[in-house]
Amino acid sequence: MSSDDIDAVVRRVRTRSLAIGGAAILVGFVVGWRAGVSLTISAAVVIFSFLAFEKLTERLVHRQAKSSLRRLVPLLLVTMGSLVLLAVVLLRWKGFDPVAGAAGLSVVVAAVVPELWIGKGT
């Protein structure tokens, strides 16, 4: 698999995860505000983690100059902040909806699964 193929897969997964996450958040808020907030927090943690992972692997695969580290640091900080927020919410907020939280955590997984089907077709 070439670097361009990998970039295309990552781009598709990123776009699909944002679309699935957005749709899931809307459904969460239709169910109830607690479900919507729980799902939003969980989905944000996973999506930010995926974006940080994408930038990190892009840096490693393409061996870019150190200047790209400046782009990675804010993303890592946001990811760390979102993980801390999730931990605080899980430990302190009694209204956290675990089912909605689990749905939010599975956003990127749901975006990756179609790539497995696409890969089997080729």
PDB file of N, CA and C in Angstrom:
ATOM      1  N   MET A   1       0.849  -1.165   0.000  1.00  0.00           N
ATOM      2  CA  MET A   1       0.000   0.000   0.000  1.00  0.00           C
ATOM      3  C   MET A   1       0.902   1.238   0.000  1.00  0.00           C
ATOM      4  N   SER A   2       0.650   2.129  -0.921  1.00  0.00           N
ATOM      5  CA  SER A   2       1.489   3.315  -1.048  1.00  0.00           C
ATOM      6  C   SER A   2       1.070   4.384  -0.044  1.00  0.00           C
ATOM      7  N   SER A   3       1.913   5.381   0.080  1.00  0.00           N
ATOM      8  CA  SER A   3       1.639   6.496   0.981  1.00  0.00           C
ATOM      9  C   SER A   3       0.374   7.247   0.575  1.00  0.00           C
ATOM     10  N   ASP A   4       0.153   7.372  -0.738  1.00  0.00           N
ATOM     11  CA  ASP A   4      -1.060   8.047  -1.217  1.00  0.00           C
ATOM     12  C   ASP A   4      -2.316   7.256  -0.859  1.00  0.00           C
ATOM     13  N   ASP A   5      -2.228   5.911  -0.932  1.00  0.00           N
ATOM     14  CA  ASP A   5      -3.365   5.068  -0.559  1.00  0.00           C
ATOM     15  C   ASP A   5      -3.684   5.216   0.926  1.00  0.00           C
ATOM     16  N   ILE A   6      -2.650   5.237   1.748  1.00  0.00           N
ATOM     17  CA  ILE A   6      -2.838   5.400   3.191  1.00  0.00           C
ATOM     18  C   ILE A   6      -3.453   6.755   3.494  1.00  0.00           C
ATOM     19  N   ASP A   7      -2.963   7.791   2.831  1.00  0.00           N
ATOM     20  CA  ASP A   7      -3.523   9.135   3.030  1.00  0.00           C
ATOM     21  C   ASP A   7      -5.002   9.173   2.638  1.00  0.00           C
ATOM     22  N   ALA A   8      -5.358   8.486   1.567  1.00  0.00           N
ATOM     23  CA  ALA A   8      -6.758   8.455   1.122  1.00  0.00           C
ATOM     24  C   ALA A   8      -7.634   7.741   2.147  1.00  0.00           C
ATOM     25  N   VAL A   9      -7.143   6.641   2.708  1.00  0.00           N
ATOM     26  CA  VAL A   9      -7.905   5.900   3.717  1.00  0.00           C
ATOM     27  C   VAL A   9      -8.109   6.774   4.957  1.00  0.00           C
ATOM     28  N   VAL A  10      -7.053   7.416   5.412  1.00  0.00           N
ATOM     29  CA  VAL A  10      -7.149   8.277   6.600  1.00  0.00           C
ATOM     30  C   VAL A  10      -8.122   9.425   6.349  1.00  0.00           C
ATOM     31  N   ARG A  11      -8.070  10.000   5.161  1.00  0.00           N
ATOM     32  CA  ARG A  11      -8.984  11.091   4.811  1.00  0.00           C
ATOM     33  C   ARG A  11     -10.439  10.618   4.839  1.00  0.00           C
ATOM     34  N   ARG A  12     -10.681   9.425   4.285  1.00  0.00           N
ATOM     35  CA  ARG A  12     -12.050   8.879   4.281  1.00  0.00           C
ATOM     36  C   ARG A  12     -12.528   8.591   5.704  1.00  0.00           C
ATOM     37  N   VAL A  13     -11.660   8.009   6.518  1.00  0.00           N
ATOM     38  CA  VAL A  13     -12.032   7.692   7.897  1.00  0.00           C
ATOM     39  C   VAL A  13     -12.300   8.977   8.677  1.00  0.00           C
ATOM     40  N   ARG A  14     -11.469   9.989   8.486  1.00  0.00           N
ATOM     41  CA  ARG A  14     -11.667  11.269   9.182  1.00  0.00           C
ATOM     42  C   ARG A  14     -13.019  11.883   8.797  1.00  0.00           C
ATOM     43  N   THR A  15     -13.302  11.937   7.508  1.00  0.00           N
ATOM     44  CA  THR A  15     -14.560  12.519   7.040  1.00  0.00           C
ATOM     45  C   THR A  15     -15.748  11.719   7.547  1.00  0.00           C
ATOM     46  N   ARG A  16     -15.648  10.393   7.453  1.00  0.00           N
ATOM     47  CA  ARG A  16     -16.736   9.524   7.898  1.00  0.00           C
ATOM     48  C   ARG A  16     -16.943   9.634   9.405  1.00  0.00           C
ATOM     49  N   SER A  17     -15.865   9.722  10.191  1.00  0.00           N
ATOM     50  CA  SER A  17     -16.019   9.809  11.650  1.00  0.00           C
ATOM     51  C   SER A  17     -16.666  11.122  12.057  1.00  0.00           C
ATOM     52  N   LEU A  18     -16.335  12.207  11.372  1.00  0.00           N
ATOM     53  CA  LEU A  18     -16.980  13.488  11.673  1.00  0.00           C
ATOM     54  C   LEU A  18     -18.466  13.451  11.315  1.00  0.00           C
ATOM     55  N   ALA A  19     -18.794  12.828  10.184  1.00  0.00           N
ATOM     56  CA  ALA A  19     -20.199  12.729   9.776  1.00  0.00           C
ATOM     57  C   ALA A  19     -20.995  11.831  10.728  1.00  0.00           C
ATOM     58  N   ILE A  20     -20.442  10.671  11.064  1.00  0.00           N
ATOM     59  CA  ILE A  20     -21.117   9.754  11.982  1.00  0.00           C
ATOM     60  C   ILE A  20     -21.245  10.400  13.361  1.00  0.00           C
ATOM     61  N   GLY A  21     -20.174  11.059  13.800  1.00  0.00           N
ATOM     62  CA  GLY A  21     -20.211  11.733  15.096  1.00  0.00           C
ATOM     63  C   GLY A  21     -21.271  12.814  15.144  1.00  0.00           C
ATOM     64  N   GLY A  22     -21.347  13.626  14.093  1.00  0.00           N
ATOM     65  CA  GLY A  22     -22.356  14.680  14.039  1.00  0.00           C
ATOM     66  C   GLY A  22     -23.767  14.123  14.061  1.00  0.00           C
ATOM     67  N   ALA A  23     -24.002  13.081  13.280  1.00  0.00           N
ATOM     68  CA  ALA A  23     -25.329  12.462  13.245  1.00  0.00           C
ATOM     69  C   ALA A  23     -25.673  11.830  14.597  1.00  0.00           C
ATOM     70  N   ALA A  24     -24.706  11.172  15.206  1.00  0.00           N
ATOM     71  CA  ALA A  24     -24.946  10.533  16.505  1.00  0.00           C
ATOM     72  C   ALA A  24     -25.244  11.576  17.580  1.00  0.00           C
ATOM     73  N   ILE A  25     -24.546  12.692  17.535  1.00  0.00           N
ATOM     74  CA  ILE A  25     -24.779  13.760  18.517  1.00  0.00           C
ATOM     75  C   ILE A  25     -26.198  14.317  18.361  1.00  0.00           C
ATOM     76  N   LEU A  26     -26.615  14.513  17.116  1.00  0.00           N
ATOM     77  CA  LEU A  26     -27.992  14.990  16.898  1.00  0.00           C
ATOM     78  C   LEU A  26     -29.013  14.013  17.472  1.00  0.00           C
ATOM     79  N   VAL A  27     -28.810  12.723  17.214  1.00  0.00           N
ATOM     80  CA  VAL A  27     -29.722  11.707  17.744  1.00  0.00           C
ATOM     81  C   VAL A  27     -29.666  11.711  19.275  1.00  0.00           C
ATOM     82  N   GLY A  28     -28.471  11.860  19.824  1.00  0.00           N
ATOM     83  CA  GLY A  28     -28.331  11.907  21.278  1.00  0.00           C
ATOM     84  C   GLY A  28     -29.145  13.025  21.894  1.00  0.00           C
ATOM     85  N   PHE A  29     -29.104  14.207  21.279  1.00  0.00           N
ATOM     86  CA  PHE A  29     -29.877  15.329  21.809  1.00  0.00           C
ATOM     87  C   PHE A  29     -31.384  15.153  21.603  1.00  0.00           C
ATOM     88  N   VAL A  30     -31.765  14.407  20.565  1.00  0.00           N
ATOM     89  CA  VAL A  30     -33.189  14.104  20.382  1.00  0.00           C
ATOM     90  C   VAL A  30     -33.664  13.200  21.521  1.00  0.00           C
ATOM     91  N   VAL A  31     -32.821  12.239  21.915  1.00  0.00           N
ATOM     92  CA  VAL A  31     -33.164  11.328  23.016  1.00  0.00           C
ATOM     93  C   VAL A  31     -33.272  12.106  24.326  1.00  0.00           C
ATOM     94  N   GLY A  32     -32.339  13.012  24.551  1.00  0.00           N
ATOM     95  CA  GLY A  32     -32.347  13.798  25.791  1.00  0.00           C
ATOM     96  C   GLY A  32     -31.056  14.597  25.899  1.00  0.00           C
ATOM     97  N   TRP A  33     -31.093  15.654  26.676  1.00  0.00           N
ATOM     98  CA  TRP A  33     -29.909  16.517  26.754  1.00  0.00           C
ATOM     99  C   TRP A  33     -28.742  15.807  27.425  1.00  0.00           C
ATOM    100  N   ARG A  34     -29.012  14.955  28.419  1.00  0.00           N
ATOM    101  CA  ARG A  34     -27.916  14.230  29.085  1.00  0.00           C
ATOM    102  C   ARG A  34     -27.250  13.251  28.127  1.00  0.00           C
ATOM    103  N   ALA A  35     -28.056  12.560  27.348  1.00  0.00           N
ATOM    104  CA  ALA A  35     -27.512  11.628  26.352  1.00  0.00           C
ATOM    105  C   ALA A  35     -26.707  12.399  25.312  1.00  0.00           C
ATOM    106  N   GLY A  36     -27.213  13.541  24.878  1.00  0.00           N
ATOM    107  CA  GLY A  36     -26.497  14.351  23.887  1.00  0.00           C
ATOM    108  C   GLY A  36     -25.163  14.854  24.399  1.00  0.00           C
ATOM    109  N   VAL A  37     -25.139  15.342  25.628  1.00  0.00           N
ATOM    110  CA  VAL A  37     -23.884  15.841  26.206  1.00  0.00           C
ATOM    111  C   VAL A  37     -22.908  14.690  26.429  1.00  0.00           C
ATOM    112  N   SER A  38     -23.390  13.573  26.946  1.00  0.00           N
ATOM    113  CA  SER A  38     -22.529  12.412  27.184  1.00  0.00           C
ATOM    114  C   SER A  38     -21.915  11.918  25.879  1.00  0.00           C
ATOM    115  N   LEU A  39     -22.739  11.817  24.854  1.00  0.00           N
ATOM    116  CA  LEU A  39     -22.265  11.348  23.554  1.00  0.00           C
ATOM    117  C   LEU A  39     -21.276  12.346  22.940  1.00  0.00           C
ATOM    118  N   THR A  40     -21.565  13.630  23.061  1.00  0.00           N
ATOM    119  CA  THR A  40     -20.681  14.653  22.502  1.00  0.00           C
ATOM    120  C   THR A  40     -19.298  14.603  23.143  1.00  0.00           C
ATOM    121  N   ILE A  41     -19.256  14.500  24.461  1.00  0.00           N
ATOM    122  CA  ILE A  41     -17.965  14.457  25.161  1.00  0.00           C
ATOM    123  C   ILE A  41     -17.182  13.224  24.731  1.00  0.00           C
ATOM    124  N   SER A  42     -17.823  12.070  24.720  1.00  0.00           N
ATOM    125  CA  SER A  42     -17.130  10.827  24.343  1.00  0.00           C
ATOM    126  C   SER A  42     -16.668  10.859  22.892  1.00  0.00           C
ATOM    127  N   ALA A  43     -17.523  11.325  21.999  1.00  0.00           N
ATOM    128  CA  ALA A  43     -17.148  11.386  20.582  1.00  0.00           C
ATOM    129  C   ALA A  43     -15.998  12.368  20.369  1.00  0.00           C
ATOM    130  N   ALA A  44     -16.026  13.485  21.066  1.00  0.00           N
ATOM    131  CA  ALA A  44     -14.946  14.471  20.920  1.00  0.00           C
ATOM    132  C   ALA A  44     -13.609  13.887  21.353  1.00  0.00           C
ATOM    133  N   VAL A  45     -13.602  13.127  22.439  1.00  0.00           N
ATOM    134  CA  VAL A  45     -12.360  12.502  22.905  1.00  0.00           C
ATOM    135  C   VAL A  45     -11.799  11.579  21.826  1.00  0.00           C
ATOM    136  N   VAL A  46     -12.654  10.751  21.254  1.00  0.00           N
ATOM    137  CA  VAL A  46     -12.193   9.784  20.258  1.00  0.00           C
ATOM    138  C   VAL A  46     -11.764  10.479  18.968  1.00  0.00           C
ATOM    139  N   ILE A  47     -12.514  11.455  18.514  1.00  0.00           N
ATOM    140  CA  ILE A  47     -12.167  12.136  17.267  1.00  0.00           C
ATOM    141  C   ILE A  47     -10.879  12.930  17.420  1.00  0.00           C
ATOM    142  N   PHE A  48     -10.718  13.649  18.533  1.00  0.00           N
ATOM    143  CA  PHE A  48      -9.467  14.379  18.756  1.00  0.00           C
ATOM    144  C   PHE A  48      -8.290  13.414  18.863  1.00  0.00           C
ATOM    145  N   SER A  49      -8.491  12.268  19.500  1.00  0.00           N
ATOM    146  CA  SER A  49      -7.421  11.270  19.596  1.00  0.00           C
ATOM    147  C   SER A  49      -7.049  10.751  18.211  1.00  0.00           C
ATOM    148  N   PHE A  50      -8.060  10.507  17.371  1.00  0.00           N
ATOM    149  CA  PHE A  50      -7.791  10.042  16.019  1.00  0.00           C
ATOM    150  C   PHE A  50      -7.034  11.098  15.215  1.00  0.00           C
ATOM    151  N   LEU A  51      -7.438  12.358  15.341  1.00  0.00           N
ATOM    152  CA  LEU A  51      -6.751  13.430  14.613  1.00  0.00           C
ATOM    153  C   LEU A  51      -5.304  13.569  15.079  1.00  0.00           C
ATOM    154  N   ALA A  52      -5.064  13.449  16.379  1.00  0.00           N
ATOM    155  CA  ALA A  52      -3.690  13.513  16.891  1.00  0.00           C
ATOM    156  C   ALA A  52      -2.884  12.325  16.368  1.00  0.00           C
ATOM    157  N   PHE A  53      -3.485  11.132  16.377  1.00  0.00           N
ATOM    158  CA  PHE A  53      -2.810   9.947  15.858  1.00  0.00           C
ATOM    159  C   PHE A  53      -2.488  10.113  14.375  1.00  0.00           C
ATOM    160  N   GLU A  54      -3.431  10.689  13.628  1.00  0.00           N
ATOM    161  CA  GLU A  54      -3.219  10.928  12.199  1.00  0.00           C
ATOM    162  C   GLU A  54      -2.015  11.845  11.969  1.00  0.00           C
ATOM    163  N   LYS A  55      -1.956  12.942  12.710  1.00  0.00           N
ATOM    164  CA  LYS A  55      -0.845  13.884  12.539  1.00  0.00           C
ATOM    165  C   LYS A  55       0.475  13.265  12.977  1.00  0.00           C
ATOM    166  N   LEU A  56       0.437  12.462  14.035  1.00  0.00           N
ATOM    167  CA  LEU A  56       1.653  11.814  14.507  1.00  0.00           C
ATOM    168  C   LEU A  56       2.170  10.806  13.488  1.00  0.00           C
ATOM    169  N   THR A  57       1.284   9.988  12.943  1.00  0.00           N
ATOM    170  CA  THR A  57       1.728   9.014  11.948  1.00  0.00           C
ATOM    171  C   THR A  57       2.159   9.699  10.652  1.00  0.00           C
ATOM    172  N   GLU A  58       1.480  10.780  10.309  1.00  0.00           N
ATOM    173  CA  GLU A  58       1.878  11.544   9.124  1.00  0.00           C
ATOM    174  C   GLU A  58       3.304  12.060   9.290  1.00  0.00           C
ATOM    175  N   ARG A  59       3.611  12.516  10.477  1.00  0.00           N
ATOM    176  CA  ARG A  59       4.957  13.022  10.778  1.00  0.00           C
ATOM    177  C   ARG A  59       5.987  11.893  10.705  1.00  0.00           C
ATOM    178  N   LEU A  60       5.622  10.720  11.222  1.00  0.00           N
ATOM    179  CA  LEU A  60       6.562   9.604  11.224  1.00  0.00           C
ATOM    180  C   LEU A  60       6.746   9.006   9.832  1.00  0.00           C
ATOM    181  N   VAL A  61       5.645   8.850   9.098  1.00  0.00           N
ATOM    182  CA  VAL A  61       5.712   8.216   7.782  1.00  0.00           C
ATOM    183  C   VAL A  61       6.427   9.115   6.776  1.00  0.00           C
ATOM    184  N   HIS A  62       6.074  10.382   6.785  1.00  0.00           N
ATOM    185  CA  HIS A  62       6.647  11.292   5.794  1.00  0.00           C
ATOM    186  C   HIS A  62       7.939  11.949   6.271  1.00  0.00           C
ATOM    187  N   ARG A  63       8.296  11.694   7.531  1.00  0.00           N
ATOM    188  CA  ARG A  63       9.528  12.255   8.114  1.00  0.00           C
ATOM    189  C   ARG A  63       9.646  13.747   7.830  1.00  0.00           C
ATOM    190  N   GLN A  64       8.614  14.451   8.230  1.00  0.00           N
ATOM    191  CA  GLN A  64       8.582  15.886   7.999  1.00  0.00           C
ATOM    192  C   GLN A  64       9.534  16.596   8.951  1.00  0.00           C
ATOM    193  N   ALA A  65       9.797  17.830   8.631  1.00  0.00           N
ATOM    194  CA  ALA A  65      10.690  18.648   9.447  1.00  0.00           C
ATOM    195  C   ALA A  65      10.062  18.912  10.814  1.00  0.00           C
ATOM    196  N   LYS A  66      10.869  19.407  11.736  1.00  0.00           N
ATOM    197  CA  LYS A  66      10.400  19.668  13.088  1.00  0.00           C
ATOM    198  C   LYS A  66       9.301  20.722  13.140  1.00  0.00           C
ATOM    199  N   SER A  67       9.181  21.531  12.127  1.00  0.00           N
ATOM    200  CA  SER A  67       8.165  22.570  12.138  1.00  0.00           C
ATOM    201  C   SER A  67       6.752  21.988  12.237  1.00  0.00           C
ATOM    202  N   SER A  68       6.544  20.747  11.762  1.00  0.00           N
ATOM    203  CA  SER A  68       5.209  20.148  11.853  1.00  0.00           C
ATOM    204  C   SER A  68       4.866  19.773  13.288  1.00  0.00           C
ATOM    205  N   LEU A  69       5.874  19.716  14.159  1.00  0.00           N
ATOM    206  CA  LEU A  69       5.617  19.437  15.564  1.00  0.00           C
ATOM    207  C   LEU A  69       4.773  20.554  16.173  1.00  0.00           C
ATOM    208  N   ARG A  70       4.914  21.763  15.669  1.00  0.00           N
ATOM    209  CA  ARG A  70       4.111  22.892  16.158  1.00  0.00           C
ATOM    210  C   ARG A  70       2.624  22.661  15.903  1.00  0.00           C
ATOM    211  N   ARG A  71       2.304  21.991  14.813  1.00  0.00           N
ATOM    212  CA  ARG A  71       0.901  21.682  14.509  1.00  0.00           C
ATOM    213  C   ARG A  71       0.386  20.550  15.374  1.00  0.00           C
ATOM    214  N   LEU A  72       1.268  19.653  15.794  1.00  0.00           N
ATOM    215  CA  LEU A  72       0.873  18.488  16.569  1.00  0.00           C
ATOM    216  C   LEU A  72       0.638  18.823  18.043  1.00  0.00           C
ATOM    217  N   VAL A  73       1.420  19.720  18.604  1.00  0.00           N
ATOM    218  CA  VAL A  73       1.330  20.026  20.034  1.00  0.00           C
ATOM    219  C   VAL A  73      -0.063  20.524  20.436  1.00  0.00           C
ATOM    220  N   PRO A  74      -0.660  21.498  19.737  1.00  0.00           N
ATOM    221  CA  PRO A  74      -2.004  21.921  20.157  1.00  0.00           C
ATOM    222  C   PRO A  74      -3.027  20.794  20.081  1.00  0.00           C
ATOM    223  N   LEU A  75      -2.910  19.946  19.081  1.00  0.00           N
ATOM    224  CA  LEU A  75      -3.834  18.830  18.946  1.00  0.00           C
ATOM    225  C   LEU A  75      -3.665  17.840  20.095  1.00  0.00           C
ATOM    226  N   LEU A  76      -2.421  17.582  20.477  1.00  0.00           N
ATOM    227  CA  LEU A  76      -2.173  16.702  21.619  1.00  0.00           C
ATOM    228  C   LEU A  76      -2.694  17.316  22.913  1.00  0.00           C
ATOM    229  N   LEU A  77      -2.529  18.625  23.068  1.00  0.00           N
ATOM    230  CA  LEU A  77      -3.041  19.300  24.264  1.00  0.00           C
ATOM    231  C   LEU A  77      -4.566  19.240  24.334  1.00  0.00           C
ATOM    232  N   VAL A  78      -5.220  19.435  23.197  1.00  0.00           N
ATOM    233  CA  VAL A  78      -6.685  19.341  23.162  1.00  0.00           C
ATOM    234  C   VAL A  78      -7.120  17.911  23.476  1.00  0.00           C
ATOM    235  N   THR A  79      -6.402  16.936  22.943  1.00  0.00           N
ATOM    236  CA  THR A  79      -6.722  15.537  23.223  1.00  0.00           C
ATOM    237  C   THR A  79      -6.561  15.223  24.699  1.00  0.00           C
ATOM    238  N   MET A  80      -5.474  15.687  25.278  1.00  0.00           N
ATOM    239  CA  MET A  80      -5.249  15.470  26.716  1.00  0.00           C
ATOM    240  C   MET A  80      -6.343  16.160  27.532  1.00  0.00           C
ATOM    241  N   GLY A  81      -6.687  17.388  27.143  1.00  0.00           N
ATOM    242  CA  GLY A  81      -7.750  18.105  27.837  1.00  0.00           C
ATOM    243  C   GLY A  81      -9.079  17.383  27.737  1.00  0.00           C
ATOM    244  N   SER A  82      -9.377  16.831  26.570  1.00  0.00           N
ATOM    245  CA  SER A  82     -10.636  16.108  26.413  1.00  0.00           C
ATOM    246  C   SER A  82     -10.641  14.816  27.230  1.00  0.00           C
ATOM    247  N   LEU A  83      -9.497  14.162  27.350  1.00  0.00           N
ATOM    248  CA  LEU A  83      -9.416  12.966  28.201  1.00  0.00           C
ATOM    249  C   LEU A  83      -9.624  13.324  29.663  1.00  0.00           C
ATOM    250  N   VAL A  84      -9.044  14.443  30.095  1.00  0.00           N
ATOM    251  CA  VAL A  84      -9.243  14.907  31.468  1.00  0.00           C
ATOM    252  C   VAL A  84     -10.720  15.250  31.693  1.00  0.00           C
ATOM    253  N   LEU A  85     -11.326  15.935  30.736  1.00  0.00           N
ATOM    254  CA  LEU A  85     -12.745  16.265  30.842  1.00  0.00           C
ATOM    255  C   LEU A  85     -13.592  15.000  30.945  1.00  0.00           C
ATOM    256  N   LEU A  86     -13.285  14.005  30.127  1.00  0.00           N
ATOM    257  CA  LEU A  86     -14.024  12.747  30.187  1.00  0.00           C
ATOM    258  C   LEU A  86     -13.858  12.087  31.556  1.00  0.00           C
ATOM    259  N   ALA A  87     -12.644  12.087  32.086  1.00  0.00           N
ATOM    260  CA  ALA A  87     -12.405  11.493  33.403  1.00  0.00           C
ATOM    261  C   ALA A  87     -13.189  12.228  34.488  1.00  0.00           C
ATOM    262  N   VAL A  88     -13.180  13.558  34.434  1.00  0.00           N
ATOM    263  CA  VAL A  88     -13.928  14.343  35.425  1.00  0.00           C
ATOM    264  C   VAL A  88     -15.417  14.051  35.309  1.00  0.00           C
ATOM    265  N   VAL A  89     -15.909  14.001  34.081  1.00  0.00           N
ATOM    266  CA  VAL A  89     -17.340  13.729  33.868  1.00  0.00           C
ATOM    267  C   VAL A  89     -17.697  12.342  34.388  1.00  0.00           C
ATOM    268  N   LEU A  90     -16.876  11.354  34.089  1.00  0.00           N
ATOM    269  CA  LEU A  90     -17.163   9.989  34.535  1.00  0.00           C
ATOM    270  C   LEU A  90     -17.150   9.872  36.059  1.00  0.00           C
ATOM    271  N   LEU A  91     -16.250  10.599  36.699  1.00  0.00           N
ATOM    272  CA  LEU A  91     -16.116  10.496  38.150  1.00  0.00           C
ATOM    273  C   LEU A  91     -17.096  11.377  38.922  1.00  0.00           C
ATOM    274  N   ARG A  92     -17.529  12.494  38.336  1.00  0.00           N
ATOM    275  CA  ARG A  92     -18.302  13.476  39.096  1.00  0.00           C
ATOM    276  C   ARG A  92     -19.757  13.639  38.673  1.00  0.00           C
ATOM    277  N   TRP A  93     -20.052  13.480  37.390  1.00  0.00           N
ATOM    278  CA  TRP A  93     -21.397  13.779  36.918  1.00  0.00           C
ATOM    279  C   TRP A  93     -22.267  12.541  37.009  1.00  0.00           C
ATOM    280  N   LYS A  94     -23.234  12.594  37.891  1.00  0.00           N
ATOM    281  CA  LYS A  94     -24.129  11.447  38.092  1.00  0.00           C
ATOM    282  C   LYS A  94     -25.097  11.267  36.929  1.00  0.00           C
ATOM    283  N   GLY A  95     -25.277  12.316  36.130  1.00  0.00           N
ATOM    284  CA  GLY A  95     -26.210  12.240  35.010  1.00  0.00           C
ATOM    285  C   GLY A  95     -25.595  11.705  33.721  1.00  0.00           C
ATOM    286  N   PHE A  96     -24.320  11.301  33.774  1.00  0.00           N
ATOM    287  CA  PHE A  96     -23.659  10.776  32.572  1.00  0.00           C
ATOM    288  C   PHE A  96     -24.393   9.534  32.100  1.00  0.00           C
ATOM    289  N   ASP A  97     -24.708   9.490  30.806  1.00  0.00           N
ATOM    290  CA  ASP A  97     -25.420   8.361  30.214  1.00  0.00           C
ATOM    291  C   ASP A  97     -24.385   7.392  29.630  1.00  0.00           C
ATOM    292  N   PRO A  98     -24.160   6.248  30.283  1.00  0.00           N
ATOM    293  CA  PRO A  98     -23.112   5.327  29.826  1.00  0.00           C
ATOM    294  C   PRO A  98     -23.364   4.740  28.435  1.00  0.00           C
ATOM    295  N   VAL A  99     -24.629   4.541  28.074  1.00  0.00           N
ATOM    296  CA  VAL A  99     -24.931   4.003  26.745  1.00  0.00           C
ATOM    297  C   VAL A  99     -24.568   5.030  25.676  1.00  0.00           C
ATOM    298  N   ALA A 100     -24.947   6.280  25.899  1.00  0.00           N
ATOM    299  CA  ALA A 100     -24.590   7.341  24.950  1.00  0.00           C
ATOM    300  C   ALA A 100     -23.084   7.541  24.925  1.00  0.00           C
ATOM    301  N   GLY A 101     -22.432   7.442  26.084  1.00  0.00           N
ATOM    302  CA  GLY A 101     -20.975   7.567  26.139  1.00  0.00           C
ATOM    303  C   GLY A 101     -20.289   6.472  25.338  1.00  0.00           C
ATOM    304  N   ALA A 102     -20.789   5.246  25.465  1.00  0.00           N
ATOM    305  CA  ALA A 102     -20.218   4.133  24.692  1.00  0.00           C
ATOM    306  C   ALA A 102     -20.447   4.343  23.195  1.00  0.00           C
ATOM    307  N   ALA A 103     -21.615   4.862  22.837  1.00  0.00           N
ATOM    308  CA  ALA A 103     -21.883   5.153  21.422  1.00  0.00           C
ATOM    309  C   ALA A 103     -20.916   6.214  20.909  1.00  0.00           C
ATOM    310  N   GLY A 104     -20.644   7.220  21.714  1.00  0.00           N
ATOM    311  CA  GLY A 104     -19.702   8.256  21.317  1.00  0.00           C
ATOM    312  C   GLY A 104     -18.288   7.723  21.156  1.00  0.00           C
ATOM    313  N   LEU A 105     -17.905   6.798  22.033  1.00  0.00           N
ATOM    314  CA  LEU A 105     -16.564   6.221  21.938  1.00  0.00           C
ATOM    315  C   LEU A 105     -16.398   5.327  20.712  1.00  0.00           C
ATOM    316  N   SER A 106     -17.487   4.861  20.146  1.00  0.00           N
ATOM    317  CA  SER A 106     -17.397   3.960  18.994  1.00  0.00           C
ATOM    318  C   SER A 106     -17.485   4.678  17.652  1.00  0.00           C
ATOM    319  N   VAL A 107     -17.466   6.003  17.656  1.00  0.00           N
ATOM    320  CA  VAL A 107     -17.608   6.774  16.417  1.00  0.00           C
ATOM    321  C   VAL A 107     -16.508   6.439  15.410  1.00  0.00           C
ATOM    322  N   VAL A 108     -15.253   6.451  15.828  1.00  0.00           N
ATOM    323  CA  VAL A 108     -14.159   6.194  14.889  1.00  0.00           C
ATOM    324  C   VAL A 108     -14.168   4.728  14.466  1.00  0.00           C
ATOM    325  N   VAL A 109     -14.529   3.836  15.377  1.00  0.00           N
ATOM    326  CA  VAL A 109     -14.623   2.422  15.005  1.00  0.00           C
ATOM    327  C   VAL A 109     -15.663   2.249  13.900  1.00  0.00           C
ATOM    328  N   ALA A 110     -16.795   2.914  14.048  1.00  0.00           N
ATOM    329  CA  ALA A 110     -17.836   2.838  13.017  1.00  0.00           C
ATOM    330  C   ALA A 110     -17.353   3.432  11.696  1.00  0.00           C
ATOM    331  N   ALA A 111     -16.433   4.372  11.761  1.00  0.00           N
ATOM    332  CA  ALA A 111     -15.893   4.974  10.540  1.00  0.00           C
ATOM    333  C   ALA A 111     -14.834   4.089   9.888  1.00  0.00           C
ATOM    334  N   VAL A 112     -14.187   3.240  10.671  1.00  0.00           N
ATOM    335  CA  VAL A 112     -13.122   2.379  10.137  1.00  0.00           C
ATOM    336  C   VAL A 112     -13.685   1.108   9.513  1.00  0.00           C
ATOM    337  N   VAL A 113     -14.775   0.580  10.044  1.00  0.00           N
ATOM    338  CA  VAL A 113     -15.331  -0.706   9.587  1.00  0.00           C
ATOM    339  C   VAL A 113     -15.576  -0.738   8.069  1.00  0.00           C
ATOM    340  N   PRO A 114     -16.156   0.296   7.461  1.00  0.00           N
ATOM    341  CA  PRO A 114     -16.341   0.235   6.006  1.00  0.00           C
ATOM    342  C   PRO A 114     -15.015   0.091   5.234  1.00  0.00           C
ATOM    343  N   GLU A 115     -13.923   0.575   5.796  1.00  0.00           N
ATOM    344  CA  GLU A 115     -12.628   0.393   5.137  1.00  0.00           C
ATOM    345  C   GLU A 115     -12.229  -1.071   5.087  1.00  0.00           C
ATOM    346  N   LEU A 116     -12.644  -1.837   6.065  1.00  0.00           N
ATOM    347  CA  LEU A 116     -12.372  -3.278   6.044  1.00  0.00           C
ATOM    348  C   LEU A 116     -13.124  -3.945   4.914  1.00  0.00           C
ATOM    349  N   TRP A 117     -14.378  -3.513   4.692  1.00  0.00           N
ATOM    350  CA  TRP A 117     -15.166  -4.066   3.595  1.00  0.00           C
ATOM    351  C   TRP A 117     -14.586  -3.653   2.249  1.00  0.00           C
ATOM    352  N   ILE A 118     -14.145  -2.411   2.152  1.00  0.00           N
ATOM    353  CA  ILE A 118     -13.547  -1.915   0.909  1.00  0.00           C
ATOM    354  C   ILE A 118     -12.266  -2.702   0.600  1.00  0.00           C
ATOM    355  N   GLY A 119     -11.466  -2.964   1.647  1.00  0.00           N
ATOM    356  CA  GLY A 119     -10.216  -3.699   1.474  1.00  0.00           C
ATOM    357  C   GLY A 119     -10.438  -5.133   0.999  1.00  0.00           C
ATOM    358  N   LYS A 120     -11.519  -5.775   1.454  1.00  0.00           N
ATOM    359  CA  LYS A 120     -11.808  -7.144   1.018  1.00  0.00           C
ATOM    360  C   LYS A 120     -12.281  -7.203  -0.428  1.00  0.00           C
ATOM    361  N   GLY A 121     -12.833  -6.097  -0.898  1.00  0.00           N
ATOM    362  CA  GLY A 121     -13.330  -6.054  -2.267  1.00  0.00           C
ATOM    363  C   GLY A 121     -12.233  -5.897  -3.305  1.00  0.00           C
ATOM    364  N   THR A 122     -11.041  -5.490  -2.878  1.00  0.00           N
ATOM    365  CA  THR A 122      -9.933  -5.285  -3.844  1.00  0.00           C
ATOM    366  C   THR A 122      -8.932  -6.390  -3.809  1.00  0.00           C
TER     367      THR A 122
END
